[in-house]
Amino acid sequence: MRIESYIQVQQLYKANKPNKTNETKAANFSDKLQISMLGKDIQTAKQALAGTSDIREERIAALRTEIQNGTYEVSAESFADKLLEKYSQTLA
């Protein structure tokens, strides 16, 4: 075995190794958030709904008055139609 050839091979391996550096490079990127127009419209609608009441006070007052006066009447046909509609939705 020749020592010179071993030294040459060792030099080749050292030449191909990358030099280690302790320097870290700062990344030049930042996160971005883009909201689509549909998303903006949904946010606007949610904000508008948050400010409104779920109960229609004027309708409730009118119904309460009719019940207290004894003039509130329920249409049997309308009630049956709505009952059947809800029943058919539960079966589907």
PDB file of N, CA and C in Angstrom:
ATOM      1  N   MET A   1       0.844  -1.177   0.000  1.00  0.00           N
ATOM      2  CA  MET A   1       0.000   0.000   0.000  1.00  0.00           C
ATOM      3  C   MET A   1       0.886   1.234   0.000  1.00  0.00           C
ATOM      4  N   ARG A   2       0.464   2.136  -0.856  1.00  0.00           N
ATOM      5  CA  ARG A   2       1.259   3.359  -0.961  1.00  0.00           C
ATOM      6  C   ARG A   2       0.618   4.459  -0.137  1.00  0.00           C
ATOM      7  N   ILE A   3       1.379   5.129   0.624  1.00  0.00           N
ATOM      8  CA  ILE A   3       0.885   6.185   1.498  1.00  0.00           C
ATOM      9  C   ILE A   3       0.491   7.413   0.703  1.00  0.00           C
ATOM     10  N   GLU A   4       1.184   7.697  -0.382  1.00  0.00           N
ATOM     11  CA  GLU A   4       0.863   8.880  -1.174  1.00  0.00           C
ATOM     12  C   GLU A   4      -0.548   8.803  -1.738  1.00  0.00           C
ATOM     13  N   SER A   5      -0.976   7.652  -2.187  1.00  0.00           N
ATOM     14  CA  SER A   5      -2.317   7.529  -2.757  1.00  0.00           C
ATOM     15  C   SER A   5      -3.385   7.718  -1.674  1.00  0.00           C
ATOM     16  N   TYR A   6      -3.074   7.248  -0.462  1.00  0.00           N
ATOM     17  CA  TYR A   6      -4.018   7.446   0.646  1.00  0.00           C
ATOM     18  C   TYR A   6      -4.161   8.930   0.963  1.00  0.00           C
ATOM     19  N   ILE A   7      -3.092   9.655   0.955  1.00  0.00           N
ATOM     20  CA  ILE A   7      -3.114  11.097   1.228  1.00  0.00           C
ATOM     21  C   ILE A   7      -3.883  11.821   0.138  1.00  0.00           C
ATOM     22  N   GLN A   8      -3.710  11.417  -1.103  1.00  0.00           N
ATOM     23  CA  GLN A   8      -4.434  12.052  -2.207  1.00  0.00           C
ATOM     24  C   GLN A   8      -5.934  11.809  -2.087  1.00  0.00           C
ATOM     25  N   VAL A   9      -6.312  10.594  -1.727  1.00  0.00           N
ATOM     26  CA  VAL A   9      -7.731  10.280  -1.564  1.00  0.00           C
ATOM     27  C   VAL A   9      -8.308  11.090  -0.412  1.00  0.00           C
ATOM     28  N   GLN A  10      -7.547  11.192   0.665  1.00  0.00           N
ATOM     29  CA  GLN A  10      -8.019  11.949   1.820  1.00  0.00           C
ATOM     30  C   GLN A  10      -8.176  13.422   1.459  1.00  0.00           C
ATOM     31  N   GLN A  11      -7.309  13.955   0.661  1.00  0.00           N
ATOM     32  CA  GLN A  11      -7.402  15.342   0.236  1.00  0.00           C
ATOM     33  C   GLN A  11      -8.641  15.552  -0.649  1.00  0.00           C
ATOM     34  N   LEU A  12      -8.958  14.584  -1.472  1.00  0.00           N
ATOM     35  CA  LEU A  12     -10.147  14.683  -2.309  1.00  0.00           C
ATOM     36  C   LEU A  12     -11.417  14.728  -1.451  1.00  0.00           C
ATOM     37  N   TYR A  13     -11.473  13.893  -0.439  1.00  0.00           N
ATOM     38  CA  TYR A  13     -12.638  13.878   0.443  1.00  0.00           C
ATOM     39  C   TYR A  13     -12.783  15.196   1.207  1.00  0.00           C
ATOM     40  N   LYS A  14     -11.674  15.757   1.622  1.00  0.00           N
ATOM     41  CA  LYS A  14     -11.731  17.041   2.321  1.00  0.00           C
ATOM     42  C   LYS A  14     -12.157  18.156   1.380  1.00  0.00           C
ATOM     43  N   ALA A  15     -11.781  18.064   0.124  1.00  0.00           N
ATOM     44  CA  ALA A  15     -12.128  19.105  -0.846  1.00  0.00           C
ATOM     45  C   ALA A  15     -13.621  19.085  -1.156  1.00  0.00           C
ATOM     46  N   ASN A  16     -14.254  17.918  -1.099  1.00  0.00           N
ATOM     47  CA  ASN A  16     -15.667  17.811  -1.428  1.00  0.00           C
ATOM     48  C   ASN A  16     -16.596  18.113  -0.249  1.00  0.00           C
ATOM     49  N   LYS A  17     -16.048  18.169   0.950  1.00  0.00           N
ATOM     50  CA  LYS A  17     -16.877  18.459   2.110  1.00  0.00           C
ATOM     51  C   LYS A  17     -17.244  19.934   2.124  1.00  0.00           C
ATOM     52  N   PRO A  18     -18.482  20.233   2.415  1.00  0.00           N
ATOM     53  CA  PRO A  18     -18.846  21.652   2.503  1.00  0.00           C
ATOM     54  C   PRO A  18     -18.293  22.257   3.786  1.00  0.00           C
ATOM     55  N   ASN A  19     -17.902  23.485   3.693  1.00  0.00           N
ATOM     56  CA  ASN A  19     -17.373  24.171   4.869  1.00  0.00           C
ATOM     57  C   ASN A  19     -18.539  24.517   5.795  1.00  0.00           C
ATOM     58  N   LYS A  20     -18.370  24.204   7.056  1.00  0.00           N
ATOM     59  CA  LYS A  20     -19.415  24.515   8.026  1.00  0.00           C
ATOM     60  C   LYS A  20     -19.241  25.952   8.487  1.00  0.00           C
ATOM     61  N   THR A  21     -20.341  26.668   8.453  1.00  0.00           N
ATOM     62  CA  THR A  21     -20.309  28.035   8.953  1.00  0.00           C
ATOM     63  C   THR A  21     -21.349  28.168  10.045  1.00  0.00           C
ATOM     64  N   ASN A  22     -21.049  28.980  10.985  1.00  0.00           N
ATOM     65  CA  ASN A  22     -21.961  29.192  12.095  1.00  0.00           C
ATOM     66  C   ASN A  22     -22.887  30.380  11.846  1.00  0.00           C
ATOM     67  N   GLU A  23     -22.757  30.986  10.717  1.00  0.00           N
ATOM     68  CA  GLU A  23     -23.587  32.136  10.402  1.00  0.00           C
ATOM     69  C   GLU A  23     -24.975  31.666   9.976  1.00  0.00           C
ATOM     70  N   THR A  24     -25.962  32.331  10.488  1.00  0.00           N
ATOM     71  CA  THR A  24     -27.330  32.049  10.058  1.00  0.00           C
ATOM     72  C   THR A  24     -27.838  33.264   9.303  1.00  0.00           C
ATOM     73  N   LYS A  25     -28.482  32.988   8.230  1.00  0.00           N
ATOM     74  CA  LYS A  25     -29.005  34.074   7.407  1.00  0.00           C
ATOM     75  C   LYS A  25     -30.434  34.369   7.826  1.00  0.00           C
ATOM     76  N   ALA A  26     -30.736  35.619   7.928  1.00  0.00           N
ATOM     77  CA  ALA A  26     -32.087  36.039   8.316  1.00  0.00           C
ATOM     78  C   ALA A  26     -33.029  35.832   7.140  1.00  0.00           C
ATOM     79  N   ALA A  27     -34.189  35.306   7.444  1.00  0.00           N
ATOM     80  CA  ALA A  27     -35.173  35.067   6.397  1.00  0.00           C
ATOM     81  C   ALA A  27     -35.901  36.374   6.088  1.00  0.00           C
ATOM     82  N   ASN A  28     -36.089  36.625   4.827  1.00  0.00           N
ATOM     83  CA  ASN A  28     -36.760  37.849   4.401  1.00  0.00           C
ATOM     84  C   ASN A  28     -38.153  37.528   3.866  1.00  0.00           C
ATOM     85  N   PHE A  29     -38.986  36.964   4.715  1.00  0.00           N
ATOM     86  CA  PHE A  29     -40.353  36.685   4.299  1.00  0.00           C
ATOM     87  C   PHE A  29     -41.288  36.997   5.449  1.00  0.00           C
ATOM     88  N   SER A  30     -42.533  37.186   5.097  1.00  0.00           N
ATOM     89  CA  SER A  30     -43.540  37.454   6.124  1.00  0.00           C
ATOM     90  C   SER A  30     -44.836  36.770   5.718  1.00  0.00           C
ATOM     91  N   ASP A  31     -45.651  36.495   6.692  1.00  0.00           N
ATOM     92  CA  ASP A  31     -46.939  35.869   6.429  1.00  0.00           C
ATOM     93  C   ASP A  31     -47.926  36.913   5.945  1.00  0.00           C
ATOM     94  N   LYS A  32     -48.793  36.496   5.057  1.00  0.00           N
ATOM     95  CA  LYS A  32     -49.813  37.395   4.532  1.00  0.00           C
ATOM     96  C   LYS A  32     -51.156  36.692   4.596  1.00  0.00           C
ATOM     97  N   LEU A  33     -52.170  37.452   4.859  1.00  0.00           N
ATOM     98  CA  LEU A  33     -53.533  36.934   4.912  1.00  0.00           C
ATOM     99  C   LEU A  33     -54.363  37.706   3.911  1.00  0.00           C
ATOM    100  N   GLN A  34     -55.008  36.974   3.021  1.00  0.00           N
ATOM    101  CA  GLN A  34     -55.885  37.604   2.047  1.00  0.00           C
ATOM    102  C   GLN A  34     -57.273  37.005   2.199  1.00  0.00           C
ATOM    103  N   ILE A  35     -58.248  37.862   2.397  1.00  0.00           N
ATOM    104  CA  ILE A  35     -59.631  37.423   2.538  1.00  0.00           C
ATOM    105  C   ILE A  35     -60.352  37.744   1.238  1.00  0.00           C
ATOM    106  N   SER A  36     -61.055  36.759   0.711  1.00  0.00           N
ATOM    107  CA  SER A  36     -61.756  36.949  -0.555  1.00  0.00           C
ATOM    108  C   SER A  36     -62.939  37.898  -0.364  1.00  0.00           C
ATOM    109  N   MET A  37     -63.486  38.343  -1.454  1.00  0.00           N
ATOM    110  CA  MET A  37     -64.650  39.238  -1.386  1.00  0.00           C
ATOM    111  C   MET A  37     -65.826  38.526  -0.734  1.00  0.00           C
ATOM    112  N   LEU A  38     -65.999  37.246  -1.014  1.00  0.00           N
ATOM    113  CA  LEU A  38     -67.080  36.487  -0.388  1.00  0.00           C
ATOM    114  C   LEU A  38     -66.878  36.435   1.120  1.00  0.00           C
ATOM    115  N   GLY A  39     -65.652  36.219   1.555  1.00  0.00           N
ATOM    116  CA  GLY A  39     -65.354  36.207   2.981  1.00  0.00           C
ATOM    117  C   GLY A  39     -65.640  37.546   3.632  1.00  0.00           C
ATOM    118  N   LYS A  40     -65.298  38.630   2.945  1.00  0.00           N
ATOM    119  CA  LYS A  40     -65.576  39.971   3.473  1.00  0.00           C
ATOM    120  C   LYS A  40     -67.082  40.210   3.558  1.00  0.00           C
ATOM    121  N   ASP A  41     -67.820  39.748   2.551  1.00  0.00           N
ATOM    122  CA  ASP A  41     -69.275  39.901   2.566  1.00  0.00           C
ATOM    123  C   ASP A  41     -69.894  39.115   3.721  1.00  0.00           C
ATOM    124  N   ILE A  42     -69.372  37.928   3.965  1.00  0.00           N
ATOM    125  CA  ILE A  42     -69.887  37.109   5.076  1.00  0.00           C
ATOM    126  C   ILE A  42     -69.596  37.792   6.407  1.00  0.00           C
ATOM    127  N   GLN A  43     -68.408  38.366   6.556  1.00  0.00           N
ATOM    128  CA  GLN A  43     -68.074  39.077   7.785  1.00  0.00           C
ATOM    129  C   GLN A  43     -69.003  40.261   7.996  1.00  0.00           C
ATOM    130  N   THR A  44     -69.291  40.998   6.929  1.00  0.00           N
ATOM    131  CA  THR A  44     -70.187  42.146   7.024  1.00  0.00           C
ATOM    132  C   THR A  44     -71.586  41.706   7.421  1.00  0.00           C
ATOM    133  N   ALA A  45     -72.050  40.603   6.831  1.00  0.00           N
ATOM    134  CA  ALA A  45     -73.380  40.097   7.166  1.00  0.00           C
ATOM    135  C   ALA A  45     -73.444  39.634   8.614  1.00  0.00           C
ATOM    136  N   LYS A  46     -72.408  38.975   9.088  1.00  0.00           N
ATOM    137  CA  LYS A  46     -72.375  38.523  10.489  1.00  0.00           C
ATOM    138  C   LYS A  46     -72.403  39.706  11.446  1.00  0.00           C
ATOM    139  N   GLN A  47     -71.670  40.754  11.118  1.00  0.00           N
ATOM    140  CA  GLN A  47     -71.658  41.939  11.973  1.00  0.00           C
ATOM    141  C   GLN A  47     -73.019  42.607  11.992  1.00  0.00           C
ATOM    142  N   ALA A  48     -73.698  42.637  10.843  1.00  0.00           N
ATOM    143  CA  ALA A  48     -75.021  43.252  10.781  1.00  0.00           C
ATOM    144  C   ALA A  48     -76.033  42.436  11.584  1.00  0.00           C
ATOM    145  N   LEU A  49     -75.938  41.110  11.497  1.00  0.00           N
ATOM    146  CA  LEU A  49     -76.861  40.254  12.240  1.00  0.00           C
ATOM    147  C   LEU A  49     -76.598  40.276  13.736  1.00  0.00           C
ATOM    148  N   ALA A  50     -75.350  40.485  14.113  1.00  0.00           N
ATOM    149  CA  ALA A  50     -75.015  40.509  15.540  1.00  0.00           C
ATOM    150  C   ALA A  50     -75.682  41.690  16.240  1.00  0.00           C
ATOM    151  N   GLY A  51     -75.920  42.759  15.498  1.00  0.00           N
ATOM    152  CA  GLY A  51     -76.526  43.948  16.087  1.00  0.00           C
ATOM    153  C   GLY A  51     -78.039  43.915  16.128  1.00  0.00           C
ATOM    154  N   THR A  52     -78.663  42.928  15.506  1.00  0.00           N
ATOM    155  CA  THR A  52     -80.121  42.868  15.479  1.00  0.00           C
ATOM    156  C   THR A  52     -80.640  41.813  16.443  1.00  0.00           C
ATOM    157  N   SER A  53     -81.883  41.963  16.813  1.00  0.00           N
ATOM    158  CA  SER A  53     -82.513  41.020  17.724  1.00  0.00           C
ATOM    159  C   SER A  53     -83.101  39.856  16.937  1.00  0.00           C
ATOM    160  N   ASP A  54     -83.107  38.670  17.556  1.00  0.00           N
ATOM    161  CA  ASP A  54     -83.694  37.498  16.918  1.00  0.00           C
ATOM    162  C   ASP A  54     -85.215  37.501  17.034  1.00  0.00           C
ATOM    163  N   ILE A  55     -85.741  38.318  17.911  1.00  0.00           N
ATOM    164  CA  ILE A  55     -87.184  38.339  18.165  1.00  0.00           C
ATOM    165  C   ILE A  55     -87.782  39.592  17.529  1.00  0.00           C
ATOM    166  N   ARG A  56     -88.845  39.386  16.768  1.00  0.00           N
ATOM    167  CA  ARG A  56     -89.555  40.520  16.171  1.00  0.00           C
ATOM    168  C   ARG A  56     -90.578  41.023  17.191  1.00  0.00           C
ATOM    169  N   GLU A  57     -90.189  42.036  17.932  1.00  0.00           N
ATOM    170  CA  GLU A  57     -90.997  42.537  19.045  1.00  0.00           C
ATOM    171  C   GLU A  57     -92.379  43.008  18.604  1.00  0.00           C
ATOM    172  N   GLU A  58     -92.477  43.662  17.459  1.00  0.00           N
ATOM    173  CA  GLU A  58     -93.782  44.173  16.999  1.00  0.00           C
ATOM    174  C   GLU A  58     -94.741  43.030  16.682  1.00  0.00           C
ATOM    175  N   ARG A  59     -94.218  41.944  16.127  1.00  0.00           N
ATOM    176  CA  ARG A  59     -95.058  40.781  15.813  1.00  0.00           C
ATOM    177  C   ARG A  59     -95.521  40.092  17.104  1.00  0.00           C
ATOM    178  N   ILE A  60     -94.622  39.970  18.048  1.00  0.00           N
ATOM    179  CA  ILE A  60     -94.963  39.352  19.331  1.00  0.00           C
ATOM    180  C   ILE A  60     -96.018  40.174  20.062  1.00  0.00           C
ATOM    181  N   ALA A  61     -95.869  41.494  20.036  1.00  0.00           N
ATOM    182  CA  ALA A  61     -96.845  42.361  20.711  1.00  0.00           C
ATOM    183  C   ALA A  61     -98.227  42.210  20.081  1.00  0.00           C
ATOM    184  N   ALA A  62     -98.287  42.132  18.752  1.00  0.00           N
ATOM    185  CA  ALA A  62     -99.574  41.985  18.067  1.00  0.00           C
ATOM    186  C   ALA A  62    -100.216  40.644  18.412  1.00  0.00           C
ATOM    187  N   LEU A  63     -99.433  39.571  18.407  1.00  0.00           N
ATOM    188  CA  LEU A  63     -99.973  38.254  18.751  1.00  0.00           C
ATOM    189  C   LEU A  63    -100.421  38.196  20.219  1.00  0.00           C
ATOM    190  N   ARG A  64     -99.650  38.793  21.094  1.00  0.00           N
ATOM    191  CA  ARG A  64    -100.008  38.808  22.517  1.00  0.00           C
ATOM    192  C   ARG A  64    -101.343  39.532  22.732  1.00  0.00           C
ATOM    193  N   THR A  65    -101.527  40.632  22.025  1.00  0.00           N
ATOM    194  CA  THR A  65    -102.779  41.393  22.132  1.00  0.00           C
ATOM    195  C   THR A  65    -103.958  40.562  21.631  1.00  0.00           C
ATOM    196  N   GLU A  66    -103.776  39.880  20.497  1.00  0.00           N
ATOM    197  CA  GLU A  66    -104.855  39.050  19.951  1.00  0.00           C
ATOM    198  C   GLU A  66    -105.206  37.911  20.907  1.00  0.00           C
ATOM    199  N   ILE A  67    -104.209  37.292  21.515  1.00  0.00           N
ATOM    200  CA  ILE A  67    -104.463  36.190  22.453  1.00  0.00           C
ATOM    201  C   ILE A  67    -105.204  36.701  23.684  1.00  0.00           C
ATOM    202  N   GLN A  68    -104.777  37.854  24.210  1.00  0.00           N
ATOM    203  CA  GLN A  68    -105.422  38.411  25.394  1.00  0.00           C
ATOM    204  C   GLN A  68    -106.865  38.826  25.108  1.00  0.00           C
ATOM    205  N   ASN A  69    -107.130  39.309  23.905  1.00  0.00           N
ATOM    206  CA  ASN A  69    -108.491  39.731  23.534  1.00  0.00           C
ATOM    207  C   ASN A  69    -109.368  38.551  23.118  1.00  0.00           C
ATOM    208  N   GLY A  70    -108.735  37.392  22.894  1.00  0.00           N
ATOM    209  CA  GLY A  70    -109.497  36.223  22.462  1.00  0.00           C
ATOM    210  C   GLY A  70    -109.810  36.234  20.975  1.00  0.00           C
ATOM    211  N   THR A  71    -109.108  37.032  20.207  1.00  0.00           N
ATOM    212  CA  THR A  71    -109.372  37.128  18.762  1.00  0.00           C
ATOM    213  C   THR A  71    -108.347  36.353  17.933  1.00  0.00           C
ATOM    214  N   TYR A  72    -107.403  35.713  18.566  1.00  0.00           N
ATOM    215  CA  TYR A  72    -106.384  34.964  17.828  1.00  0.00           C
ATOM    216  C   TYR A  72    -106.973  33.645  17.361  1.00  0.00           C
ATOM    217  N   GLU A  73    -106.890  33.401  16.048  1.00  0.00           N
ATOM    218  CA  GLU A  73    -107.416  32.174  15.470  1.00  0.00           C
ATOM    219  C   GLU A  73    -106.336  31.511  14.618  1.00  0.00           C
ATOM    220  N   VAL A  74    -106.276  30.197  14.727  1.00  0.00           N
ATOM    221  CA  VAL A  74    -105.321  29.423  13.940  1.00  0.00           C
ATOM    222  C   VAL A  74    -106.099  28.691  12.860  1.00  0.00           C
ATOM    223  N   SER A  75    -105.652  28.817  11.611  1.00  0.00           N
ATOM    224  CA  SER A  75    -106.279  28.111  10.504  1.00  0.00           C
ATOM    225  C   SER A  75    -105.892  26.641  10.600  1.00  0.00           C
ATOM    226  N   ALA A  76    -106.906  25.769  10.697  1.00  0.00           N
ATOM    227  CA  ALA A  76    -106.653  24.329  10.798  1.00  0.00           C
ATOM    228  C   ALA A  76    -105.951  23.818   9.545  1.00  0.00           C
ATOM    229  N   GLU A  77    -106.325  24.338   8.401  1.00  0.00           N
ATOM    230  CA  GLU A  77    -105.714  23.917   7.133  1.00  0.00           C
ATOM    231  C   GLU A  77    -104.241  24.317   7.084  1.00  0.00           C
ATOM    232  N   SER A  78    -103.950  25.538   7.483  1.00  0.00           N
ATOM    233  CA  SER A  78    -102.568  26.011   7.487  1.00  0.00           C
ATOM    234  C   SER A  78    -101.734  25.204   8.481  1.00  0.00           C
ATOM    235  N   PHE A  79    -102.302  24.935   9.655  1.00  0.00           N
ATOM    236  CA  PHE A  79    -101.598  24.147  10.668  1.00  0.00           C
ATOM    237  C   PHE A  79    -101.299  22.741  10.154  1.00  0.00           C
ATOM    238  N   ALA A  80    -102.284  22.115   9.500  1.00  0.00           N
ATOM    239  CA  ALA A  80    -102.102  20.758   8.980  1.00  0.00           C
ATOM    240  C   ALA A  80    -101.036  20.744   7.875  1.00  0.00           C
ATOM    241  N   ASP A  81    -101.049  21.739   7.009  1.00  0.00           N
ATOM    242  CA  ASP A  81    -100.048  21.814   5.939  1.00  0.00           C
ATOM    243  C   ASP A  81     -98.635  21.920   6.514  1.00  0.00           C
ATOM    244  N   LYS A  82     -98.470  22.778   7.495  1.00  0.00           N
ATOM    245  CA  LYS A  82     -97.147  22.955   8.097  1.00  0.00           C
ATOM    246  C   LYS A  82     -96.714  21.709   8.865  1.00  0.00           C
ATOM    247  N   LEU A  83     -97.661  21.051   9.521  1.00  0.00           N
ATOM    248  CA  LEU A  83     -97.361  19.833  10.253  1.00  0.00           C
ATOM    249  C   LEU A  83     -96.884  18.728   9.310  1.00  0.00           C
ATOM    250  N   LEU A  84     -97.579  18.569   8.186  1.00  0.00           N
ATOM    251  CA  LEU A  84     -97.184  17.561   7.190  1.00  0.00           C
ATOM    252  C   LEU A  84     -95.834  17.900   6.551  1.00  0.00           C
ATOM    253  N   GLU A  85     -95.599  19.175   6.332  1.00  0.00           N
ATOM    254  CA  GLU A  85     -94.330  19.602   5.746  1.00  0.00           C
ATOM    255  C   GLU A  85     -93.165  19.257   6.681  1.00  0.00           C
ATOM    256  N   LYS A  86     -93.308  19.553   7.958  1.00  0.00           N
ATOM    257  CA  LYS A  86     -92.259  19.222   8.930  1.00  0.00           C
ATOM    258  C   LYS A  86     -92.070  17.711   9.047  1.00  0.00           C
ATOM    259  N   TYR A  87     -93.164  16.980   9.015  1.00  0.00           N
ATOM    260  CA  TYR A  87     -93.098  15.523   9.107  1.00  0.00           C
ATOM    261  C   TYR A  87     -92.354  14.932   7.916  1.00  0.00           C
ATOM    262  N   SER A  88     -92.650  15.434   6.723  1.00  0.00           N
ATOM    263  CA  SER A  88     -91.972  14.927   5.523  1.00  0.00           C
ATOM    264  C   SER A  88     -90.485  15.292   5.529  1.00  0.00           C
ATOM    265  N   GLN A  89     -90.105  16.439   6.143  1.00  0.00           N
ATOM    266  CA  GLN A  89     -88.694  16.816   6.236  1.00  0.00           C
ATOM    267  C   GLN A  89     -87.945  15.885   7.175  1.00  0.00           C
ATOM    268  N   THR A  90     -88.604  15.416   8.223  1.00  0.00           N
ATOM    269  CA  THR A  90     -87.931  14.514   9.155  1.00  0.00           C
ATOM    270  C   THR A  90     -87.725  13.124   8.556  1.00  0.00           C
ATOM    271  N   LEU A  91     -88.590  12.740   7.613  1.00  0.00           N
ATOM    272  CA  LEU A  91     -88.445  11.434   6.974  1.00  0.00           C
ATOM    273  C   LEU A  91     -87.344  11.434   5.924  1.00  0.00           C
ATOM    274  N   ALA A  92     -87.091  12.588   5.335  1.00  0.00           N
ATOM    275  CA  ALA A  92     -86.100  12.668   4.252  1.00  0.00           C
ATOM    276  C   ALA A  92     -84.693  12.605   4.732  1.00  0.00           C
TER     277      ALA A  92
END
